Structures are given as structure tokens and as C-alpha cells.
Full PDB file with SEQRES, HELIX, SHEET, SSBOND, CRYST1, ORIGX, SCALE, CONECT and MASTER records, all heavy atoms in Angstrom:
SEQRES   1 A   35  CYS ARG GLU HIS TYR TYR ARG TYR ARG TRP SER LEU CYS          
SEQRES   2 A   35  VAL GLN ALA ALA ASP LEU THR LEU ARG ARG TRP PRO GLY          
SEQRES   3 A   35  THR ALA GLU ALA ALA ARG LEU ARG ALA                          
HELIX    1 AA1 ARG A    2  TYR A    6  1                                   5    
HELIX    2 AA2 TRP A   10  ARG A   23  1                                  14    
HELIX    3 AA3 ALA A   28  ARG A   34  1                                   7    
CRYST1    1.000    1.000    1.000  90.00  90.00  90.00 P 1           1          
ORIGX1      1.000000  0.000000  0.000000        0.00000                         
ORIGX2      0.000000  1.000000  0.000000        0.00000                         
ORIGX3      0.000000  0.000000  1.000000        0.00000                         
SCALE1      1.000000  0.000000  0.000000        0.00000                         
SCALE2      0.000000  1.000000  0.000000        0.00000                         
SCALE3      0.000000  0.000000  1.000000        0.00000                         
ATOM      1  N   CYS A   1       4.156 -12.664  78.107  1.00  0.00           N  
ATOM      2  CA  CYS A   1       5.147 -11.659  77.633  1.00  0.00           C  
ATOM      3  C   CYS A   1       6.148 -12.289  76.606  1.00  0.00           C  
ATOM      4  O   CYS A   1       6.308 -11.686  75.555  1.00  0.00           O  
ATOM      5  CB  CYS A   1       5.932 -11.113  78.898  1.00  0.00           C  
ATOM      6  SG  CYS A   1       4.987 -10.139  80.061  1.00  0.00           S  
ATOM      7  N   ARG A   2       6.709 -13.400  77.021  1.00  0.00           N  
ATOM      8  CA  ARG A   2       7.618 -14.087  76.129  1.00  0.00           C  
ATOM      9  C   ARG A   2       6.980 -14.485  74.755  1.00  0.00           C  
ATOM     10  O   ARG A   2       7.589 -14.275  73.708  1.00  0.00           O  
ATOM     11  CB  ARG A   2       8.171 -15.298  76.780  1.00  0.00           C  
ATOM     12  CG  ARG A   2       9.158 -15.115  77.810  1.00  0.00           C  
ATOM     13  CD  ARG A   2       9.772 -16.409  78.309  1.00  0.00           C  
ATOM     14  NE  ARG A   2      10.034 -16.340  79.741  1.00  0.00           N  
ATOM     15  CZ  ARG A   2       9.362 -17.010  80.624  1.00  0.00           C  
ATOM     16  NH1 ARG A   2       8.466 -17.842  80.316  1.00  0.00           N  
ATOM     17  NH2 ARG A   2       9.618 -16.795  81.958  1.00  0.00           N  
ATOM     18  N   GLU A   3       5.782 -14.991  74.861  1.00  0.00           N  
ATOM     19  CA  GLU A   3       5.091 -15.411  73.626  1.00  0.00           C  
ATOM     20  C   GLU A   3       4.864 -14.247  72.636  1.00  0.00           C  
ATOM     21  O   GLU A   3       5.209 -14.426  71.469  1.00  0.00           O  
ATOM     22  CB  GLU A   3       3.713 -16.051  74.004  1.00  0.00           C  
ATOM     23  CG  GLU A   3       2.854 -16.378  72.842  1.00  0.00           C  
ATOM     24  CD  GLU A   3       3.253 -17.710  72.168  1.00  0.00           C  
ATOM     25  OE1 GLU A   3       4.037 -18.477  72.811  1.00  0.00           O  
ATOM     26  OE2 GLU A   3       2.755 -17.968  71.118  1.00  0.00           O  
ATOM     27  N   HIS A   4       4.415 -13.160  73.193  1.00  0.00           N  
ATOM     28  CA  HIS A   4       4.251 -11.932  72.263  1.00  0.00           C  
ATOM     29  C   HIS A   4       5.585 -11.476  71.816  1.00  0.00           C  
ATOM     30  O   HIS A   4       5.668 -11.163  70.575  1.00  0.00           O  
ATOM     31  CB  HIS A   4       3.537 -10.882  73.029  1.00  0.00           C  
ATOM     32  CG  HIS A   4       2.078 -11.277  73.407  1.00  0.00           C  
ATOM     33  ND1 HIS A   4       1.220 -11.782  72.520  1.00  0.00           N  
ATOM     34  CD2 HIS A   4       1.421 -11.094  74.584  1.00  0.00           C  
ATOM     35  CE1 HIS A   4       0.070 -11.950  73.129  1.00  0.00           C  
ATOM     36  NE2 HIS A   4       0.160 -11.624  74.398  1.00  0.00           N  
ATOM     37  N   TYR A   5       6.623 -11.448  72.647  1.00  0.00           N  
ATOM     38  CA  TYR A   5       7.886 -10.892  72.217  1.00  0.00           C  
ATOM     39  C   TYR A   5       8.479 -11.735  71.086  1.00  0.00           C  
ATOM     40  O   TYR A   5       8.937 -11.226  70.083  1.00  0.00           O  
ATOM     41  CB  TYR A   5       8.828 -10.877  73.360  1.00  0.00           C  
ATOM     42  CG  TYR A   5      10.168 -10.314  72.988  1.00  0.00           C  
ATOM     43  CD1 TYR A   5      10.345  -8.917  72.847  1.00  0.00           C  
ATOM     44  CD2 TYR A   5      11.194 -11.046  72.750  1.00  0.00           C  
ATOM     45  CE1 TYR A   5      11.592  -8.413  72.532  1.00  0.00           C  
ATOM     46  CE2 TYR A   5      12.453 -10.634  72.343  1.00  0.00           C  
ATOM     47  CZ  TYR A   5      12.645  -9.262  72.256  1.00  0.00           C  
ATOM     48  OH  TYR A   5      13.821  -8.703  71.788  1.00  0.00           O  
ATOM     49  N   TYR A   6       8.479 -13.048  71.286  1.00  0.00           N  
ATOM     50  CA  TYR A   6       9.089 -13.946  70.239  1.00  0.00           C  
ATOM     51  C   TYR A   6       8.296 -14.143  68.989  1.00  0.00           C  
ATOM     52  O   TYR A   6       8.748 -14.564  68.004  1.00  0.00           O  
ATOM     53  CB  TYR A   6       9.526 -15.299  70.903  1.00  0.00           C  
ATOM     54  CG  TYR A   6      10.585 -15.122  71.868  1.00  0.00           C  
ATOM     55  CD1 TYR A   6      10.437 -15.419  73.175  1.00  0.00           C  
ATOM     56  CD2 TYR A   6      11.861 -14.611  71.443  1.00  0.00           C  
ATOM     57  CE1 TYR A   6      11.498 -15.249  74.107  1.00  0.00           C  
ATOM     58  CE2 TYR A   6      12.870 -14.408  72.363  1.00  0.00           C  
ATOM     59  CZ  TYR A   6      12.672 -14.717  73.636  1.00  0.00           C  
ATOM     60  OH  TYR A   6      13.693 -14.550  74.623  1.00  0.00           O  
ATOM     61  N   ARG A   7       7.028 -13.694  69.035  1.00  0.00           N  
ATOM     62  CA  ARG A   7       6.240 -13.614  67.822  1.00  0.00           C  
ATOM     63  C   ARG A   7       6.065 -12.199  67.252  1.00  0.00           C  
ATOM     64  O   ARG A   7       5.256 -11.942  66.367  1.00  0.00           O  
ATOM     65  CB  ARG A   7       4.827 -14.193  68.161  1.00  0.00           C  
ATOM     66  CG  ARG A   7       4.870 -15.660  68.410  1.00  0.00           C  
ATOM     67  CD  ARG A   7       3.440 -16.225  68.531  1.00  0.00           C  
ATOM     68  NE  ARG A   7       3.468 -17.671  68.854  1.00  0.00           N  
ATOM     69  CZ  ARG A   7       3.543 -18.571  68.015  1.00  0.00           C  
ATOM     70  NH1 ARG A   7       3.427 -18.330  66.696  1.00  0.00           N  
ATOM     71  NH2 ARG A   7       3.488 -19.871  68.405  1.00  0.00           N  
ATOM     72  N   TYR A   8       6.927 -11.302  67.706  1.00  0.00           N  
ATOM     73  CA  TYR A   8       7.040  -9.946  67.155  1.00  0.00           C  
ATOM     74  C   TYR A   8       5.777  -9.148  67.343  1.00  0.00           C  
ATOM     75  O   TYR A   8       5.478  -8.235  66.580  1.00  0.00           O  
ATOM     76  CB  TYR A   8       7.516  -9.929  65.683  1.00  0.00           C  
ATOM     77  CG  TYR A   8       8.705 -10.807  65.455  1.00  0.00           C  
ATOM     78  CD1 TYR A   8       8.607 -11.957  64.702  1.00  0.00           C  
ATOM     79  CD2 TYR A   8       9.954 -10.399  65.937  1.00  0.00           C  
ATOM     80  CE1 TYR A   8       9.743 -12.729  64.530  1.00  0.00           C  
ATOM     81  CE2 TYR A   8      11.036 -11.171  65.646  1.00  0.00           C  
ATOM     82  CZ  TYR A   8      10.959 -12.363  64.986  1.00  0.00           C  
ATOM     83  OH  TYR A   8      12.033 -13.178  64.723  1.00  0.00           O  
ATOM     84  N   ARG A   9       4.992  -9.468  68.358  1.00  0.00           N  
ATOM     85  CA  ARG A   9       3.867  -8.693  68.729  1.00  0.00           C  
ATOM     86  C   ARG A   9       4.182  -7.683  69.849  1.00  0.00           C  
ATOM     87  O   ARG A   9       3.820  -7.956  71.034  1.00  0.00           O  
ATOM     88  CB  ARG A   9       2.716  -9.665  69.152  1.00  0.00           C  
ATOM     89  CG  ARG A   9       2.332 -10.595  67.981  1.00  0.00           C  
ATOM     90  CD  ARG A   9       1.120 -11.495  68.302  1.00  0.00           C  
ATOM     91  NE  ARG A   9       1.346 -12.376  69.370  1.00  0.00           N  
ATOM     92  CZ  ARG A   9       1.028 -13.666  69.338  1.00  0.00           C  
ATOM     93  NH1 ARG A   9       0.453 -14.123  68.281  1.00  0.00           N  
ATOM     94  NH2 ARG A   9       1.276 -14.480  70.360  1.00  0.00           N  
ATOM     95  N   TRP A  10       4.876  -6.687  69.448  1.00  0.00           N  
ATOM     96  CA  TRP A  10       5.519  -5.759  70.365  1.00  0.00           C  
ATOM     97  C   TRP A  10       4.390  -5.114  71.241  1.00  0.00           C  
ATOM     98  O   TRP A  10       4.624  -5.005  72.481  1.00  0.00           O  
ATOM     99  CB  TRP A  10       6.234  -4.708  69.658  1.00  0.00           C  
ATOM    100  CG  TRP A  10       7.194  -5.170  68.632  1.00  0.00           C  
ATOM    101  CD1 TRP A  10       7.180  -4.858  67.268  1.00  0.00           C  
ATOM    102  CD2 TRP A  10       8.176  -6.165  68.743  1.00  0.00           C  
ATOM    103  NE1 TRP A  10       8.227  -5.496  66.666  1.00  0.00           N  
ATOM    104  CE2 TRP A  10       8.809  -6.324  67.476  1.00  0.00           C  
ATOM    105  CE3 TRP A  10       8.657  -6.958  69.775  1.00  0.00           C  
ATOM    106  CZ2 TRP A  10       9.828  -7.243  67.272  1.00  0.00           C  
ATOM    107  CZ3 TRP A  10       9.637  -7.868  69.591  1.00  0.00           C  
ATOM    108  CH2 TRP A  10      10.244  -7.942  68.360  1.00  0.00           C  
ATOM    109  N   SER A  11       3.319  -4.543  70.719  1.00  0.00           N  
ATOM    110  CA  SER A  11       2.285  -3.854  71.528  1.00  0.00           C  
ATOM    111  C   SER A  11       1.690  -4.789  72.587  1.00  0.00           C  
ATOM    112  O   SER A  11       1.423  -4.424  73.720  1.00  0.00           O  
ATOM    113  CB  SER A  11       1.306  -3.206  70.682  1.00  0.00           C  
ATOM    114  OG  SER A  11       0.536  -4.083  69.935  1.00  0.00           O  
ATOM    115  N   LEU A  12       1.435  -6.018  72.216  1.00  0.00           N  
ATOM    116  CA  LEU A  12       0.825  -6.981  73.087  1.00  0.00           C  
ATOM    117  C   LEU A  12       1.861  -7.361  74.209  1.00  0.00           C  
ATOM    118  O   LEU A  12       1.535  -7.539  75.326  1.00  0.00           O  
ATOM    119  CB  LEU A  12       0.329  -8.244  72.384  1.00  0.00           C  
ATOM    120  CG  LEU A  12      -0.948  -8.099  71.563  1.00  0.00           C  
ATOM    121  CD1 LEU A  12      -1.182  -9.391  70.792  1.00  0.00           C  
ATOM    122  CD2 LEU A  12      -2.092  -7.721  72.492  1.00  0.00           C  
ATOM    123  N   CYS A  13       3.131  -7.397  73.839  1.00  0.00           N  
ATOM    124  CA  CYS A  13       4.108  -7.691  74.778  1.00  0.00           C  
ATOM    125  C   CYS A  13       4.217  -6.522  75.849  1.00  0.00           C  
ATOM    126  O   CYS A  13       4.256  -6.758  77.074  1.00  0.00           O  
ATOM    127  CB  CYS A  13       5.514  -7.891  74.131  1.00  0.00           C  
ATOM    128  SG  CYS A  13       6.795  -8.277  75.339  1.00  0.00           S  
ATOM    129  N   VAL A  14       4.117  -5.275  75.334  1.00  0.00           N  
ATOM    130  CA  VAL A  14       4.177  -4.177  76.297  1.00  0.00           C  
ATOM    131  C   VAL A  14       2.949  -4.154  77.203  1.00  0.00           C  
ATOM    132  O   VAL A  14       3.092  -4.010  78.432  1.00  0.00           O  
ATOM    133  CB  VAL A  14       4.192  -2.811  75.535  1.00  0.00           C  
ATOM    134  CG1 VAL A  14       4.039  -1.654  76.413  1.00  0.00           C  
ATOM    135  CG2 VAL A  14       5.545  -2.691  74.747  1.00  0.00           C  
ATOM    136  N   GLN A  15       1.739  -4.500  76.756  1.00  0.00           N  
ATOM    137  CA  GLN A  15       0.629  -4.595  77.517  1.00  0.00           C  
ATOM    138  C   GLN A  15       0.735  -5.742  78.564  1.00  0.00           C  
ATOM    139  O   GLN A  15       0.383  -5.533  79.735  1.00  0.00           O  
ATOM    140  CB  GLN A  15      -0.697  -4.942  76.632  1.00  0.00           C  
ATOM    141  CG  GLN A  15      -1.126  -3.771  75.833  1.00  0.00           C  
ATOM    142  CD  GLN A  15      -2.308  -4.325  74.942  1.00  0.00           C  
ATOM    143  OE1 GLN A  15      -2.860  -5.404  75.173  1.00  0.00           O  
ATOM    144  NE2 GLN A  15      -2.581  -3.560  73.908  1.00  0.00           N  
ATOM    145  N   ALA A  16       1.177  -6.802  78.150  1.00  0.00           N  
ATOM    146  CA  ALA A  16       1.342  -8.024  79.042  1.00  0.00           C  
ATOM    147  C   ALA A  16       2.412  -7.671  80.138  1.00  0.00           C  
ATOM    148  O   ALA A  16       2.257  -7.998  81.309  1.00  0.00           O  
ATOM    149  CB  ALA A  16       1.762  -9.284  78.305  1.00  0.00           C  
ATOM    150  N   ALA A  17       3.535  -7.024  79.755  1.00  0.00           N  
ATOM    151  CA  ALA A  17       4.560  -6.696  80.658  1.00  0.00           C  
ATOM    152  C   ALA A  17       3.975  -5.693  81.690  1.00  0.00           C  
ATOM    153  O   ALA A  17       4.294  -5.709  82.877  1.00  0.00           O  
ATOM    154  CB  ALA A  17       5.749  -6.104  79.933  1.00  0.00           C  
ATOM    155  N   ASP A  18       3.218  -4.649  81.188  1.00  0.00           N  
ATOM    156  CA  ASP A  18       2.637  -3.699  82.114  1.00  0.00           C  
ATOM    157  C   ASP A  18       1.716  -4.348  83.107  1.00  0.00           C  
ATOM    158  O   ASP A  18       1.846  -4.008  84.349  1.00  0.00           O  
ATOM    159  CB  ASP A  18       1.875  -2.654  81.319  1.00  0.00           C  
ATOM    160  CG  ASP A  18       2.741  -1.603  80.615  1.00  0.00           C  
ATOM    161  OD1 ASP A  18       3.941  -1.526  80.935  1.00  0.00           O  
ATOM    162  OD2 ASP A  18       2.212  -0.944  79.660  1.00  0.00           O  
ATOM    163  N   LEU A  19       0.939  -5.304  82.727  1.00  0.00           N  
ATOM    164  CA  LEU A  19       0.129  -6.003  83.627  1.00  0.00           C  
ATOM    165  C   LEU A  19       0.898  -6.802  84.616  1.00  0.00           C  
ATOM    166  O   LEU A  19       0.670  -6.846  85.844  1.00  0.00           O  
ATOM    167  CB  LEU A  19      -0.868  -6.929  82.846  1.00  0.00           C  
ATOM    168  CG  LEU A  19      -1.978  -6.336  82.145  1.00  0.00           C  
ATOM    169  CD1 LEU A  19      -2.691  -7.256  81.209  1.00  0.00           C  
ATOM    170  CD2 LEU A  19      -2.984  -5.645  83.031  1.00  0.00           C  
ATOM    171  N   THR A  20       1.963  -7.429  84.117  1.00  0.00           N  
ATOM    172  CA  THR A  20       2.865  -8.176  85.001  1.00  0.00           C  
ATOM    173  C   THR A  20       3.523  -7.299  86.038  1.00  0.00           C  
ATOM    174  O   THR A  20       3.534  -7.617  87.259  1.00  0.00           O  
ATOM    175  CB  THR A  20       3.888  -8.943  84.215  1.00  0.00           C  
ATOM    176  OG1 THR A  20       3.266  -9.781  83.248  1.00  0.00           O  
ATOM    177  CG2 THR A  20       4.838  -9.740  85.128  1.00  0.00           C  
ATOM    178  N   LEU A  21       3.977  -6.160  85.572  1.00  0.00           N  
ATOM    179  CA  LEU A  21       4.680  -5.213  86.499  1.00  0.00           C  
ATOM    180  C   LEU A  21       3.785  -4.656  87.533  1.00  0.00           C  
ATOM    181  O   LEU A  21       4.077  -4.242  88.592  1.00  0.00           O  
ATOM    182  CB  LEU A  21       5.418  -4.191  85.699  1.00  0.00           C  
ATOM    183  CG  LEU A  21       6.633  -4.689  84.953  1.00  0.00           C  
ATOM    184  CD1 LEU A  21       7.119  -3.691  83.898  1.00  0.00           C  
ATOM    185  CD2 LEU A  21       7.728  -5.144  85.872  1.00  0.00           C  
ATOM    186  N   ARG A  22       2.436  -4.413  87.117  1.00  0.00           N  
ATOM    187  CA  ARG A  22       1.470  -3.916  88.045  1.00  0.00           C  
ATOM    188  C   ARG A  22       1.179  -4.940  89.199  1.00  0.00           C  
ATOM    189  O   ARG A  22       1.056  -4.539  90.318  1.00  0.00           O  
ATOM    190  CB  ARG A  22       0.184  -3.585  87.336  1.00  0.00           C  
ATOM    191  CG  ARG A  22      -0.257  -2.132  87.481  1.00  0.00           C  
ATOM    192  CD  ARG A  22      -1.511  -1.835  86.756  1.00  0.00           C  
ATOM    193  NE  ARG A  22      -1.122  -1.462  85.355  1.00  0.00           N  
ATOM    194  CZ  ARG A  22      -1.815  -1.859  84.314  1.00  0.00           C  
ATOM    195  NH1 ARG A  22      -2.835  -2.628  84.421  1.00  0.00           N  
ATOM    196  NH2 ARG A  22      -1.455  -1.572  83.102  1.00  0.00           N  
ATOM    197  N   ARG A  23       1.137  -6.175  88.760  1.00  0.00           N  
ATOM    198  CA  ARG A  23       0.792  -7.266  89.830  1.00  0.00           C  
ATOM    199  C   ARG A  23       2.068  -7.534  90.591  1.00  0.00           C  
ATOM    200  O   ARG A  23       1.967  -7.777  91.851  1.00  0.00           O  
ATOM    201  CB  ARG A  23       0.366  -8.456  89.096  1.00  0.00           C  
ATOM    202  CG  ARG A  23      -1.070  -8.416  88.655  1.00  0.00           C  
ATOM    203  CD  ARG A  23      -1.575  -9.798  88.269  1.00  0.00           C  
ATOM    204  NE  ARG A  23      -2.908  -9.747  87.858  1.00  0.00           N  
ATOM    205  CZ  ARG A  23      -3.378  -9.805  86.567  1.00  0.00           C  
ATOM    206  NH1 ARG A  23      -2.451 -10.028  85.609  1.00  0.00           N  
ATOM    207  NH2 ARG A  23      -4.615  -9.794  86.293  1.00  0.00           N  
ATOM    208  N   TRP A  24       3.223  -7.626  89.969  1.00  0.00           N  
ATOM    209  CA  TRP A  24       4.436  -8.006  90.649  1.00  0.00           C  
ATOM    210  C   TRP A  24       5.505  -6.937  90.326  1.00  0.00           C  
ATOM    211  O   TRP A  24       6.408  -7.221  89.428  1.00  0.00           O  
ATOM    212  CB  TRP A  24       4.932  -9.375  90.198  1.00  0.00           C  
ATOM    213  CG  TRP A  24       3.868 -10.369  90.436  1.00  0.00           C  
ATOM    214  CD1 TRP A  24       3.532 -10.992  91.652  1.00  0.00           C  
ATOM    215  CD2 TRP A  24       2.915 -10.922  89.599  1.00  0.00           C  
ATOM    216  NE1 TRP A  24       2.484 -11.882  91.508  1.00  0.00           N  
ATOM    217  CE2 TRP A  24       2.086 -11.840  90.252  1.00  0.00           C  
ATOM    218  CE3 TRP A  24       2.684 -10.761  88.205  1.00  0.00           C  
ATOM    219  CZ2 TRP A  24       0.998 -12.519  89.606  1.00  0.00           C  
ATOM    220  CZ3 TRP A  24       1.633 -11.453  87.564  1.00  0.00           C  
ATOM    221  CH2 TRP A  24       0.767 -12.319  88.275  1.00  0.00           C  
ATOM    222  N   PRO A  25       5.533  -5.848  90.948  1.00  0.00           N  
ATOM    223  CA  PRO A  25       6.500  -4.783  90.662  1.00  0.00           C  
ATOM    224  C   PRO A  25       7.928  -5.309  90.806  1.00  0.00           C  
ATOM    225  O   PRO A  25       8.246  -6.225  91.746  1.00  0.00           O  
ATOM    226  CB  PRO A  25       6.304  -3.755  91.760  1.00  0.00           C  
ATOM    227  CG  PRO A  25       4.849  -3.953  92.185  1.00  0.00           C  
ATOM    228  CD  PRO A  25       4.668  -5.441  92.022  1.00  0.00           C  
ATOM    229  N   GLY A  26       8.757  -4.920  89.899  1.00  0.00           N  
ATOM    230  CA  GLY A  26      10.198  -5.276  90.019  1.00  0.00           C  
ATOM    231  C   GLY A  26      10.495  -6.579  89.352  1.00  0.00           C  
ATOM    232  O   GLY A  26      11.631  -7.060  89.449  1.00  0.00           O  
ATOM    233  N   THR A  27       9.574  -7.055  88.580  1.00  0.00           N  
ATOM    234  CA  THR A  27       9.795  -8.346  87.798  1.00  0.00           C  
ATOM    235  C   THR A  27      10.764  -7.997  86.690  1.00  0.00           C  
ATOM    236  O   THR A  27      10.431  -7.437  85.668  1.00  0.00           O  
ATOM    237  CB  THR A  27       8.510  -8.969  87.279  1.00  0.00           C  
ATOM    238  OG1 THR A  27       7.612  -9.135  88.409  1.00  0.00           O  
ATOM    239  CG2 THR A  27       8.772 -10.258  86.639  1.00  0.00           C  
ATOM    240  N   ALA A  28      12.058  -8.364  86.807  1.00  0.00           N  
ATOM    241  CA  ALA A  28      13.106  -8.010  85.885  1.00  0.00           C  
ATOM    242  C   ALA A  28      12.830  -8.396  84.466  1.00  0.00           C  
ATOM    243  O   ALA A  28      13.028  -7.721  83.543  1.00  0.00           O  
ATOM    244  CB  ALA A  28      14.392  -8.442  86.379  1.00  0.00           C  
ATOM    245  N   GLU A  29      12.421  -9.727  84.295  1.00  0.00           N  
ATOM    246  CA  GLU A  29      12.191 -10.172  83.016  1.00  0.00           C  
ATOM    247  C   GLU A  29      11.113  -9.426  82.197  1.00  0.00           C  
ATOM    248  O   GLU A  29      11.227  -9.149  81.104  1.00  0.00           O  
ATOM    249  CB  GLU A  29      11.875 -11.732  82.952  1.00  0.00           C  
ATOM    250  CG  GLU A  29      11.734 -12.258  81.560  1.00  0.00           C  
ATOM    251  CD  GLU A  29      11.429 -13.745  81.530  1.00  0.00           C  
ATOM    252  OE1 GLU A  29      11.334 -14.390  82.531  1.00  0.00           O  
ATOM    253  OE2 GLU A  29      11.374 -14.223  80.390  1.00  0.00           O  
ATOM    254  N   ALA A  30       9.945  -9.092  82.928  1.00  0.00           N  
ATOM    255  CA  ALA A  30       8.937  -8.374  82.236  1.00  0.00           C  
ATOM    256  C   ALA A  30       9.478  -6.991  81.921  1.00  0.00           C  
ATOM    257  O   ALA A  30       9.142  -6.363  80.773  1.00  0.00           O  
ATOM    258  CB  ALA A  30       7.702  -8.236  83.233  1.00  0.00           C  
ATOM    259  N   ALA A  31      10.243  -6.338  82.803  1.00  0.00           N  
ATOM    260  CA  ALA A  31      10.708  -5.057  82.492  1.00  0.00           C  
ATOM    261  C   ALA A  31      11.666  -5.096  81.259  1.00  0.00           C  
ATOM    262  O   ALA A  31      11.654  -4.188  80.390  1.00  0.00           O  
ATOM    263  CB  ALA A  31      11.569  -4.508  83.681  1.00  0.00           C  
ATOM    264  N   ARG A  32      12.561  -6.112  81.129  1.00  0.00           N  
ATOM    265  CA  ARG A  32      13.403  -6.262  79.992  1.00  0.00           C  
ATOM    266  C   ARG A  32      12.647  -6.401  78.728  1.00  0.00           C  
ATOM    267  O   ARG A  32      12.912  -5.758  77.646  1.00  0.00           O  
ATOM    268  CB  ARG A  32      14.345  -7.391  80.204  1.00  0.00           C  
ATOM    269  CG  ARG A  32      15.588  -7.061  81.092  1.00  0.00           C  
ATOM    270  CD  ARG A  32      16.662  -8.125  80.986  1.00  0.00           C  
ATOM    271  NE  ARG A  32      16.142  -9.459  81.223  1.00  0.00           N  
ATOM    272  CZ  ARG A  32      16.062 -10.057  82.435  1.00  0.00           C  
ATOM    273  NH1 ARG A  32      16.404  -9.321  83.516  1.00  0.00           N  
ATOM    274  NH2 ARG A  32      15.621 -11.227  82.610  1.00  0.00           N  
ATOM    275  N   LEU A  33      11.646  -7.341  78.785  1.00  0.00           N  
ATOM    276  CA  LEU A  33      10.887  -7.654  77.510  1.00  0.00           C  
ATOM    277  C   LEU A  33      10.122  -6.412  77.082  1.00  0.00           C  
ATOM    278  O   LEU A  33       9.934  -6.062  75.934  1.00  0.00           O  
ATOM    279  CB  LEU A  33       9.894  -8.773  77.727  1.00  0.00           C  
ATOM    280  CG  LEU A  33      10.633 -10.172  77.767  1.00  0.00           C  
ATOM    281  CD1 LEU A  33       9.652 -11.186  78.326  1.00  0.00           C  
ATOM    282  CD2 LEU A  33      11.257 -10.579  76.527  1.00  0.00           C  
ATOM    283  N   ARG A  34       9.624  -5.638  78.062  1.00  0.00           N  
ATOM    284  CA  ARG A  34       8.929  -4.398  77.821  1.00  0.00           C  
ATOM    285  C   ARG A  34       9.816  -3.369  77.156  1.00  0.00           C  
ATOM    286  O   ARG A  34       9.446  -2.774  76.088  1.00  0.00           O  
ATOM    287  CB  ARG A  34       8.267  -3.793  79.085  1.00  0.00           C  
ATOM    288  CG  ARG A  34       7.527  -2.590  78.866  1.00  0.00           C  
ATOM    289  CD  ARG A  34       7.019  -1.948  80.287  1.00  0.00           C  
ATOM    290  NE  ARG A  34       6.190  -0.875  80.028  1.00  0.00           N  
ATOM    291  CZ  ARG A  34       6.487   0.313  79.659  1.00  0.00           C  
ATOM    292  NH1 ARG A  34       7.771   0.606  79.445  1.00  0.00           N  
ATOM    293  NH2 ARG A  34       5.663   1.363  79.505  1.00  0.00           N  
ATOM    294  N   ALA A  35      11.012  -3.117  77.730  1.00  0.00           N  
ATOM    295  CA  ALA A  35      11.882  -2.216  77.212  1.00  0.00           C  
ATOM    296  C   ALA A  35      12.312  -2.609  75.731  1.00  0.00           C  
ATOM    297  O   ALA A  35      12.422  -1.718  74.818  1.00  0.00           O  
ATOM    298  CB  ALA A  35      13.111  -2.043  78.013  1.00  0.00           C  
TER     299      ALA A  35                                                      
MASTER        0    0    0    3    0    0    0    6  298    1    0    3          
END                                                                             
């Protein structure tokens, strides 16, 4: 998630965050990076 975010790959960051949140609901960092 961080790698995509800091490389300005927004859609890949959203995808990665969605996967993270599906596996580990409530992961605050993934939710913030997604938003």
C-alpha cells in the first residue's frame, strides 16, 4: 500500500488497501492510504 501511495499509483494503492482490509478488517493505515 505504502509503495503504491508514495509512487503516486493511486489505483494500485486502492486495490492493495482493499485486499488488506478484506484480510484484516479495521487496519487503520490501509484505510487512511485508501482514502
